[in-house]
């Protein structure tokens, strides 16, 4: 679960909010006019997210390699042509 604060409130109380995140591990969603714009999370949450992204990147790279082994590559000239160069 997480708390929700406006960007304006967060700006006025940043030190207090940062302490809440650090001490309790609370996650805080920042909104501007009711639209989520950012989140304050503990560093451990950020690290976990980065590791998760790295895992997905690795999986995508392995999938691309498998596709290459099955279908072969694309000629550099074709890539440039497709990009309009």
PDB file of N, CA and C in Angstrom:
ATOM      1  N   UNK A   1       0.841  -1.180   0.000  1.00  0.00           N
ATOM      2  CA  UNK A   1       0.000   0.000   0.000  1.00  0.00           C
ATOM      3  C   UNK A   1       0.883   1.239   0.000  1.00  0.00           C
ATOM      4  N   UNK A   2       0.363   2.326  -0.492  1.00  0.00           N
ATOM      5  CA  UNK A   2       1.132   3.563  -0.544  1.00  0.00           C
ATOM      6  C   UNK A   2       0.243   4.753  -0.185  1.00  0.00           C
ATOM      7  N   UNK A   3       0.917   5.829   0.168  1.00  0.00           N
ATOM      8  CA  UNK A   3       0.230   7.093   0.434  1.00  0.00           C
ATOM      9  C   UNK A   3       0.233   7.928  -0.839  1.00  0.00           C
ATOM     10  N   UNK A   4      -0.674   8.884  -0.904  1.00  0.00           N
ATOM     11  CA  UNK A   4      -0.748   9.789  -2.052  1.00  0.00           C
ATOM     12  C   UNK A   4      -0.671  11.216  -1.533  1.00  0.00           C
ATOM     13  N   UNK A   5       0.192  12.012  -2.143  1.00  0.00           N
ATOM     14  CA  UNK A   5       0.331  13.423  -1.793  1.00  0.00           C
ATOM     15  C   UNK A   5       0.394  14.251  -3.058  1.00  0.00           C
ATOM     16  N   UNK A   6      -0.019  15.489  -2.946  1.00  0.00           N
ATOM     17  CA  UNK A   6       0.148  16.398  -4.080  1.00  0.00           C
ATOM     18  C   UNK A   6       1.605  16.835  -4.131  1.00  0.00           C
ATOM     19  N   UNK A   7       2.051  17.224  -5.307  1.00  0.00           N
ATOM     20  CA  UNK A   7       3.417  17.723  -5.465  1.00  0.00           C
ATOM     21  C   UNK A   7       3.620  18.950  -4.582  1.00  0.00           C
ATOM     22  N   UNK A   8       2.605  19.783  -4.491  1.00  0.00           N
ATOM     23  CA  UNK A   8       2.705  20.985  -3.656  1.00  0.00           C
ATOM     24  C   UNK A   8       2.938  20.625  -2.194  1.00  0.00           C
ATOM     25  N   UNK A   9       2.146  19.674  -1.669  1.00  0.00           N
ATOM     26  CA  UNK A   9       2.342  19.233  -0.280  1.00  0.00           C
ATOM     27  C   UNK A   9       3.722  18.628  -0.092  1.00  0.00           C
ATOM     28  N   UNK A  10       4.147  17.824  -1.038  1.00  0.00           N
ATOM     29  CA  UNK A  10       5.452  17.173  -0.935  1.00  0.00           C
ATOM     30  C   UNK A  10       6.572  18.210  -0.923  1.00  0.00           C
ATOM     31  N   UNK A  11       6.441  19.229  -1.745  1.00  0.00           N
ATOM     32  CA  UNK A  11       7.458  20.280  -1.810  1.00  0.00           C
ATOM     33  C   UNK A  11       7.594  20.966  -0.447  1.00  0.00           C
ATOM     34  N   UNK A  12       6.470  21.225   0.185  1.00  0.00           N
ATOM     35  CA  UNK A  12       6.478  21.931   1.468  1.00  0.00           C
ATOM     36  C   UNK A  12       6.978  21.057   2.614  1.00  0.00           C
ATOM     37  N   UNK A  13       6.856  19.735   2.470  1.00  0.00           N
ATOM     38  CA  UNK A  13       7.178  18.821   3.585  1.00  0.00           C
ATOM     39  C   UNK A  13       8.216  17.770   3.192  1.00  0.00           C
ATOM     40  N   UNK A  14       9.111  18.115   2.255  1.00  0.00           N
ATOM     41  CA  UNK A  14      10.026  17.123   1.697  1.00  0.00           C
ATOM     42  C   UNK A  14      10.877  16.425   2.758  1.00  0.00           C
ATOM     43  N   UNK A  15      11.443  17.169   3.695  1.00  0.00           N
ATOM     44  CA  UNK A  15      12.294  16.541   4.714  1.00  0.00           C
ATOM     45  C   UNK A  15      11.498  15.525   5.535  1.00  0.00           C
ATOM     46  N   UNK A  16      10.301  15.885   5.937  1.00  0.00           N
ATOM     47  CA  UNK A  16       9.455  14.974   6.713  1.00  0.00           C
ATOM     48  C   UNK A  16       9.107  13.726   5.895  1.00  0.00           C
ATOM     49  N   UNK A  17       8.756  13.931   4.634  1.00  0.00           N
ATOM     50  CA  UNK A  17       8.352  12.812   3.779  1.00  0.00           C
ATOM     51  C   UNK A  17       9.535  11.884   3.514  1.00  0.00           C
ATOM     52  N   UNK A  18      10.693  12.459   3.236  1.00  0.00           N
ATOM     53  CA  UNK A  18      11.887  11.638   3.008  1.00  0.00           C
ATOM     54  C   UNK A  18      12.202  10.805   4.242  1.00  0.00           C
ATOM     55  N   UNK A  19      12.016  11.380   5.414  1.00  0.00           N
ATOM     56  CA  UNK A  19      12.253  10.636   6.653  1.00  0.00           C
ATOM     57  C   UNK A  19      11.258   9.489   6.806  1.00  0.00           C
ATOM     58  N   UNK A  20       9.994   9.715   6.438  1.00  0.00           N
ATOM     59  CA  UNK A  20       8.991   8.641   6.499  1.00  0.00           C
ATOM     60  C   UNK A  20       9.380   7.486   5.584  1.00  0.00           C
ATOM     61  N   UNK A  21       9.820   7.828   4.380  1.00  0.00           N
ATOM     62  CA  UNK A  21      10.219   6.793   3.423  1.00  0.00           C
ATOM     63  C   UNK A  21      11.417   6.019   3.971  1.00  0.00           C
ATOM     64  N   UNK A  22      12.390   6.750   4.488  1.00  0.00           N
ATOM     65  CA  UNK A  22      13.606   6.112   5.000  1.00  0.00           C
ATOM     66  C   UNK A  22      13.329   5.263   6.238  1.00  0.00           C
ATOM     67  N   UNK A  23      12.576   5.777   7.162  1.00  0.00           N
ATOM     68  CA  UNK A  23      12.420   5.078   8.443  1.00  0.00           C
ATOM     69  C   UNK A  23      11.404   3.943   8.407  1.00  0.00           C
ATOM     70  N   UNK A  24      10.349   4.089   7.621  1.00  0.00           N
ATOM     71  CA  UNK A  24       9.299   3.063   7.640  1.00  0.00           C
ATOM     72  C   UNK A  24       9.188   2.276   6.341  1.00  0.00           C
ATOM     73  N   UNK A  25       9.932   2.706   5.315  1.00  0.00           N
ATOM     74  CA  UNK A  25       9.821   2.030   4.035  1.00  0.00           C
ATOM     75  C   UNK A  25       8.550   2.378   3.280  1.00  0.00           C
ATOM     76  N   UNK A  26       7.873   3.422   3.726  1.00  0.00           N
ATOM     77  CA  UNK A  26       6.624   3.834   3.087  1.00  0.00           C
ATOM     78  C   UNK A  26       6.869   4.266   1.646  1.00  0.00           C
ATOM     79  N   UNK A  27       5.925   3.962   0.795  1.00  0.00           N
ATOM     80  CA  UNK A  27       5.959   4.404  -0.607  1.00  0.00           C
ATOM     81  C   UNK A  27       4.945   5.532  -0.754  1.00  0.00           C
ATOM     82  N   UNK A  28       5.363   6.596  -1.424  1.00  0.00           N
ATOM     83  CA  UNK A  28       4.494   7.760  -1.545  1.00  0.00           C
ATOM     84  C   UNK A  28       4.361   8.148  -3.009  1.00  0.00           C
ATOM     85  N   UNK A  29       3.133   8.157  -3.491  1.00  0.00           N
ATOM     86  CA  UNK A  29       2.827   8.553  -4.857  1.00  0.00           C
ATOM     87  C   UNK A  29       2.562  10.052  -4.878  1.00  0.00           C
ATOM     88  N   UNK A  30       3.230  10.762  -5.783  1.00  0.00           N
ATOM     89  CA  UNK A  30       3.026  12.202  -5.917  1.00  0.00           C
ATOM     90  C   UNK A  30       2.122  12.464  -7.110  1.00  0.00           C
ATOM     91  N   UNK A  31       1.121  13.302  -6.861  1.00  0.00           N
ATOM     92  CA  UNK A  31       0.163  13.637  -7.917  1.00  0.00           C
ATOM     93  C   UNK A  31       0.152  15.130  -8.163  1.00  0.00           C
ATOM     94  N   UNK A  32      -0.140  15.469  -9.405  1.00  0.00           N
ATOM     95  CA  UNK A  32      -0.334  16.865  -9.790  1.00  0.00           C
ATOM     96  C   UNK A  32      -1.695  16.952 -10.461  1.00  0.00           C
ATOM     97  N   UNK A  33      -2.599  17.674  -9.844  1.00  0.00           N
ATOM     98  CA  UNK A  33      -3.986  17.789 -10.328  1.00  0.00           C
ATOM     99  C   UNK A  33      -4.624  16.414 -10.523  1.00  0.00           C
ATOM    100  N   UNK A  34      -4.361  15.520  -9.571  1.00  0.00           N
ATOM    101  CA  UNK A  34      -4.969  14.193  -9.606  1.00  0.00           C
ATOM    102  C   UNK A  34      -4.286  13.183 -10.509  1.00  0.00           C
ATOM    103  N   UNK A  35      -3.211  13.586 -11.184  1.00  0.00           N
ATOM    104  CA  UNK A  35      -2.493  12.689 -12.080  1.00  0.00           C
ATOM    105  C   UNK A  35      -1.171  12.269 -11.447  1.00  0.00           C
ATOM    106  N   UNK A  36      -0.908  10.975 -11.342  1.00  0.00           N
ATOM    107  CA  UNK A  36       0.373  10.524 -10.798  1.00  0.00           C
ATOM    108  C   UNK A  36       1.540  11.022 -11.654  1.00  0.00           C
ATOM    109  N   UNK A  37       2.568  11.589 -10.990  1.00  0.00           N
ATOM    110  CA  UNK A  37       3.718  12.113 -11.729  1.00  0.00           C
ATOM    111  C   UNK A  37       5.046  11.540 -11.257  1.00  0.00           C
ATOM    112  N   UNK A  38       5.098  11.026 -10.045  1.00  0.00           N
ATOM    113  CA  UNK A  38       6.343  10.486  -9.507  1.00  0.00           C
ATOM    114  C   UNK A  38       6.036   9.682  -8.256  1.00  0.00           C
ATOM    115  N   UNK A  39       7.041   8.964  -7.799  1.00  0.00           N
ATOM    116  CA  UNK A  39       6.888   8.212  -6.559  1.00  0.00           C
ATOM    117  C   UNK A  39       8.173   8.300  -5.751  1.00  0.00           C
ATOM    118  N   UNK A  40       8.023   8.381  -4.455  1.00  0.00           N
ATOM    119  CA  UNK A  40       9.154   8.309  -3.546  1.00  0.00           C
ATOM    120  C   UNK A  40       9.137   6.914  -2.936  1.00  0.00           C
ATOM    121  N   UNK A  41      10.236   6.192  -3.114  1.00  0.00           N
ATOM    122  CA  UNK A  41      10.322   4.821  -2.616  1.00  0.00           C
ATOM    123  C   UNK A  41      11.646   4.633  -1.904  1.00  0.00           C
ATOM    124  N   UNK A  42      11.722   3.659  -1.009  1.00  0.00           N
ATOM    125  CA  UNK A  42      12.995   3.383  -0.352  1.00  0.00           C
ATOM    126  C   UNK A  42      14.037   2.920  -1.375  1.00  0.00           C
ATOM    127  N   UNK A  43      15.301   3.173  -1.104  1.00  0.00           N
ATOM    128  CA  UNK A  43      16.356   2.743  -2.027  1.00  0.00           C
ATOM    129  C   UNK A  43      16.312   1.241  -2.332  1.00  0.00           C
ATOM    130  N   UNK A  44      15.900   0.443  -1.370  1.00  0.00           N
ATOM    131  CA  UNK A  44      15.832  -1.007  -1.619  1.00  0.00           C
ATOM    132  C   UNK A  44      14.785  -1.334  -2.690  1.00  0.00           C
ATOM    133  N   UNK A  45      13.684  -0.584  -2.714  1.00  0.00           N
ATOM    134  CA  UNK A  45      12.672  -0.780  -3.763  1.00  0.00           C
ATOM    135  C   UNK A  45      13.237  -0.394  -5.130  1.00  0.00           C
ATOM    136  N   UNK A  46      13.964   0.702  -5.178  1.00  0.00           N
ATOM    137  CA  UNK A  46      14.563   1.141  -6.438  1.00  0.00           C
ATOM    138  C   UNK A  46      15.560   0.104  -6.935  1.00  0.00           C
ATOM    139  N   UNK A  47      16.380  -0.422  -6.038  1.00  0.00           N
ATOM    140  CA  UNK A  47      17.363  -1.439  -6.416  1.00  0.00           C
ATOM    141  C   UNK A  47      16.649  -2.680  -6.965  1.00  0.00           C
ATOM    142  N   UNK A  48      15.573  -3.098  -6.309  1.00  0.00           N
ATOM    143  CA  UNK A  48      14.817  -4.266  -6.781  1.00  0.00           C
ATOM    144  C   UNK A  48      14.242  -4.010  -8.169  1.00  0.00           C
ATOM    145  N   UNK A  49      13.724  -2.818  -8.400  1.00  0.00           N
ATOM    146  CA  UNK A  49      13.183  -2.466  -9.713  1.00  0.00           C
ATOM    147  C   UNK A  49      14.277  -2.521 -10.775  1.00  0.00           C
ATOM    148  N   UNK A  50      15.446  -1.986 -10.457  1.00  0.00           N
ATOM    149  CA  UNK A  50      16.557  -2.003 -11.411  1.00  0.00           C
ATOM    150  C   UNK A  50      16.999  -3.430 -11.718  1.00  0.00           C
ATOM    151  N   UNK A  51      17.059  -4.293 -10.716  1.00  0.00           N
ATOM    152  CA  UNK A  51      17.417  -5.691 -10.948  1.00  0.00           C
ATOM    153  C   UNK A  51      16.375  -6.381 -11.813  1.00  0.00           C
ATOM    154  N   UNK A  52      15.109  -6.078 -11.579  1.00  0.00           N
ATOM    155  CA  UNK A  52      14.022  -6.637 -12.372  1.00  0.00           C
ATOM    156  C   UNK A  52      14.146  -6.197 -13.835  1.00  0.00           C
ATOM    157  N   UNK A  53      14.432  -4.917 -14.050  1.00  0.00           N
ATOM    158  CA  UNK A  53      14.619  -4.407 -15.413  1.00  0.00           C
ATOM    159  C   UNK A  53      15.806  -5.094 -16.090  1.00  0.00           C
ATOM    160  N   UNK A  54      16.902  -5.273 -15.356  1.00  0.00           N
ATOM    161  CA  UNK A  54      18.075  -5.955 -15.907  1.00  0.00           C
ATOM    162  C   UNK A  54      17.720  -7.381 -16.313  1.00  0.00           C
ATOM    163  N   UNK A  55      16.929  -8.060 -15.492  1.00  0.00           N
ATOM    164  CA  UNK A  55      16.521  -9.428 -15.802  1.00  0.00           C
ATOM    165  C   UNK A  55      15.717  -9.460 -17.098  1.00  0.00           C
ATOM    166  N   UNK A  56      14.766  -8.530 -17.239  1.00  0.00           N
ATOM    167  CA  UNK A  56      13.969  -8.466 -18.465  1.00  0.00           C
ATOM    168  C   UNK A  56      14.840  -8.143 -19.676  1.00  0.00           C
ATOM    169  N   UNK A  57      15.804  -7.233 -19.523  1.00  0.00           N
ATOM    170  CA  UNK A  57      16.709  -6.914 -20.626  1.00  0.00           C
ATOM    171  C   UNK A  57      17.497  -8.149 -21.050  1.00  0.00           C
ATOM    172  N   UNK A  58      17.975  -8.910 -20.083  1.00  0.00           N
ATOM    173  CA  UNK A  58      18.705 -10.136 -20.389  1.00  0.00           C
ATOM    174  C   UNK A  58      17.832 -11.152 -21.098  1.00  0.00           C
ATOM    175  N   UNK A  59      16.605 -11.280 -20.640  1.00  0.00           N
ATOM    176  CA  UNK A  59      15.669 -12.207 -21.288  1.00  0.00           C
ATOM    177  C   UNK A  59      15.384 -11.776 -22.724  1.00  0.00           C
ATOM    178  N   UNK A  60      15.196 -10.466 -22.931  1.00  0.00           N
ATOM    179  CA  UNK A  60      14.965  -9.960 -24.282  1.00  0.00           C
ATOM    180  C   UNK A  60      16.169 -10.219 -25.178  1.00  0.00           C
ATOM    181  N   UNK A  61      17.373 -10.061 -24.638  1.00  0.00           N
ATOM    182  CA  UNK A  61      18.584 -10.315 -25.430  1.00  0.00           C
ATOM    183  C   UNK A  61      18.669 -11.789 -25.820  1.00  0.00           C
ATOM    184  N   UNK A  62      18.355 -12.683 -24.899  1.00  0.00           N
ATOM    185  CA  UNK A  62      18.363 -14.115 -25.218  1.00  0.00           C
ATOM    186  C   UNK A  62      17.307 -14.457 -26.257  1.00  0.00           C
ATOM    187  N   UNK A  63      16.143 -13.840 -26.159  1.00  0.00           N
ATOM    188  CA  UNK A  63      15.092 -14.054 -27.174  1.00  0.00           C
ATOM    189  C   UNK A  63      15.559 -13.574 -28.544  1.00  0.00           C
ATOM    190  N   UNK A  64      16.223 -12.421 -28.581  1.00  0.00           N
ATOM    191  CA  UNK A  64      16.714 -11.884 -29.852  1.00  0.00           C
ATOM    192  C   UNK A  64      17.779 -12.800 -30.445  1.00  0.00           C
ATOM    193  N   UNK A  65      18.647 -13.333 -29.605  1.00  0.00           N
ATOM    194  CA  UNK A  65      19.672 -14.258 -30.077  1.00  0.00           C
ATOM    195  C   UNK A  65      19.035 -15.529 -30.634  1.00  0.00           C
ATOM    196  N   UNK A  66      18.018 -16.035 -29.960  1.00  0.00           N
ATOM    197  CA  UNK A  66      17.318 -17.224 -30.448  1.00  0.00           C
ATOM    198  C   UNK A  66      16.654 -16.940 -31.794  1.00  0.00           C
ATOM    199  N   UNK A  67      16.037 -15.771 -31.933  1.00  0.00           N
ATOM    200  CA  UNK A  67      15.429 -15.389 -33.210  1.00  0.00           C
ATOM    201  C   UNK A  67      16.486 -15.318 -34.315  1.00  0.00           C
ATOM    202  N   UNK A  68      17.636 -14.751 -33.981  1.00  0.00           N
ATOM    203  CA  UNK A  68      18.723 -14.636 -34.957  1.00  0.00           C
ATOM    204  C   UNK A  68      19.172 -16.026 -35.415  1.00  0.00           C
ATOM    205  N   UNK A  69      19.295 -16.941 -34.473  1.00  0.00           N
ATOM    206  CA  UNK A  69      19.751 -18.288 -34.820  1.00  0.00           C
ATOM    207  C   UNK A  69      18.741 -19.011 -35.709  1.00  0.00           C
ATOM    208  N   UNK A  70      17.453 -18.702 -35.543  1.00  0.00           N
ATOM    209  CA  UNK A  70      16.418 -19.352 -36.341  1.00  0.00           C
ATOM    210  C   UNK A  70      16.265 -18.657 -37.699  1.00  0.00           C
ATOM    211  N   UNK A  71      16.157 -17.344 -37.697  1.00  0.00           N
ATOM    212  CA  UNK A  71      15.805 -16.610 -38.914  1.00  0.00           C
ATOM    213  C   UNK A  71      16.995 -15.940 -39.596  1.00  0.00           C
ATOM    214  N   UNK A  72      18.126 -15.882 -38.928  1.00  0.00           N
ATOM    215  CA  UNK A  72      19.266 -15.184 -39.515  1.00  0.00           C
ATOM    216  C   UNK A  72      19.191 -13.694 -39.243  1.00  0.00           C
ATOM    217  N   UNK A  73      20.188 -13.003 -39.711  1.00  0.00           N
ATOM    218  CA  UNK A  73      20.281 -11.580 -39.440  1.00  0.00           C
ATOM    219  C   UNK A  73      19.694 -10.732 -40.550  1.00  0.00           C
ATOM    220  N   UNK A  74      19.878  -9.449 -40.397  1.00  0.00           N
ATOM    221  CA  UNK A  74      19.412  -8.464 -41.370  1.00  0.00           C
ATOM    222  C   UNK A  74      20.656  -7.740 -41.886  1.00  0.00           C
ATOM    223  N   UNK A  75      20.706  -7.540 -43.193  1.00  0.00           N
ATOM    224  CA  UNK A  75      21.858  -6.852 -43.766  1.00  0.00           C
ATOM    225  C   UNK A  75      21.869  -5.387 -43.324  1.00  0.00           C
ATOM    226  N   UNK A  76      23.076  -4.868 -43.062  1.00  0.00           N
ATOM    227  CA  UNK A  76      23.248  -3.492 -42.611  1.00  0.00           C
ATOM    228  C   UNK A  76      22.648  -2.505 -43.619  1.00  0.00           C
ATOM    229  N   UNK A  77      22.796  -2.784 -44.874  1.00  0.00           N
ATOM    230  CA  UNK A  77      22.244  -1.905 -45.907  1.00  0.00           C
ATOM    231  C   UNK A  77      20.721  -1.841 -45.812  1.00  0.00           C
ATOM    232  N   UNK A  78      20.096  -2.976 -45.479  1.00  0.00           N
ATOM    233  CA  UNK A  78      18.638  -2.991 -45.322  1.00  0.00           C
ATOM    234  C   UNK A  78      18.199  -2.174 -44.108  1.00  0.00           C
ATOM    235  N   UNK A  79      18.959  -2.252 -43.049  1.00  0.00           N
ATOM    236  CA  UNK A  79      18.643  -1.482 -41.846  1.00  0.00           C
ATOM    237  C   UNK A  79      18.719   0.018 -42.162  1.00  0.00           C
ATOM    238  N   UNK A  80      19.815   0.422 -42.811  1.00  0.00           N
ATOM    239  CA  UNK A  80      19.957   1.839 -43.167  1.00  0.00           C
ATOM    240  C   UNK A  80      18.831   2.304 -44.076  1.00  0.00           C
ATOM    241  N   UNK A  81      18.475   1.479 -45.053  1.00  0.00           N
ATOM    242  CA  UNK A  81      17.391   1.841 -45.968  1.00  0.00           C
ATOM    243  C   UNK A  81      16.076   2.008 -45.199  1.00  0.00           C
ATOM    244  N   UNK A  82      15.801   1.074 -44.298  1.00  0.00           N
ATOM    245  CA  UNK A  82      14.558   1.130 -43.518  1.00  0.00           C
ATOM    246  C   UNK A  82      14.506   2.353 -42.611  1.00  0.00           C
ATOM    247  N   UNK A  83      15.674   2.824 -42.195  1.00  0.00           N
ATOM    248  CA  UNK A  83      15.735   4.009 -41.342  1.00  0.00           C
ATOM    249  C   UNK A  83      15.802   5.297 -42.155  1.00  0.00           C
ATOM    250  N   UNK A  84      15.818   5.162 -43.490  1.00  0.00           N
ATOM    251  CA  UNK A  84      15.834   6.333 -44.344  1.00  0.00           C
ATOM    252  C   UNK A  84      17.203   6.974 -44.467  1.00  0.00           C
ATOM    253  N   UNK A  85      18.236   6.190 -44.357  1.00  0.00           N
ATOM    254  CA  UNK A  85      19.602   6.743 -44.445  1.00  0.00           C
ATOM    255  C   UNK A  85      20.327   6.217 -45.653  1.00  0.00           C
TER     256      UNK A  85
END
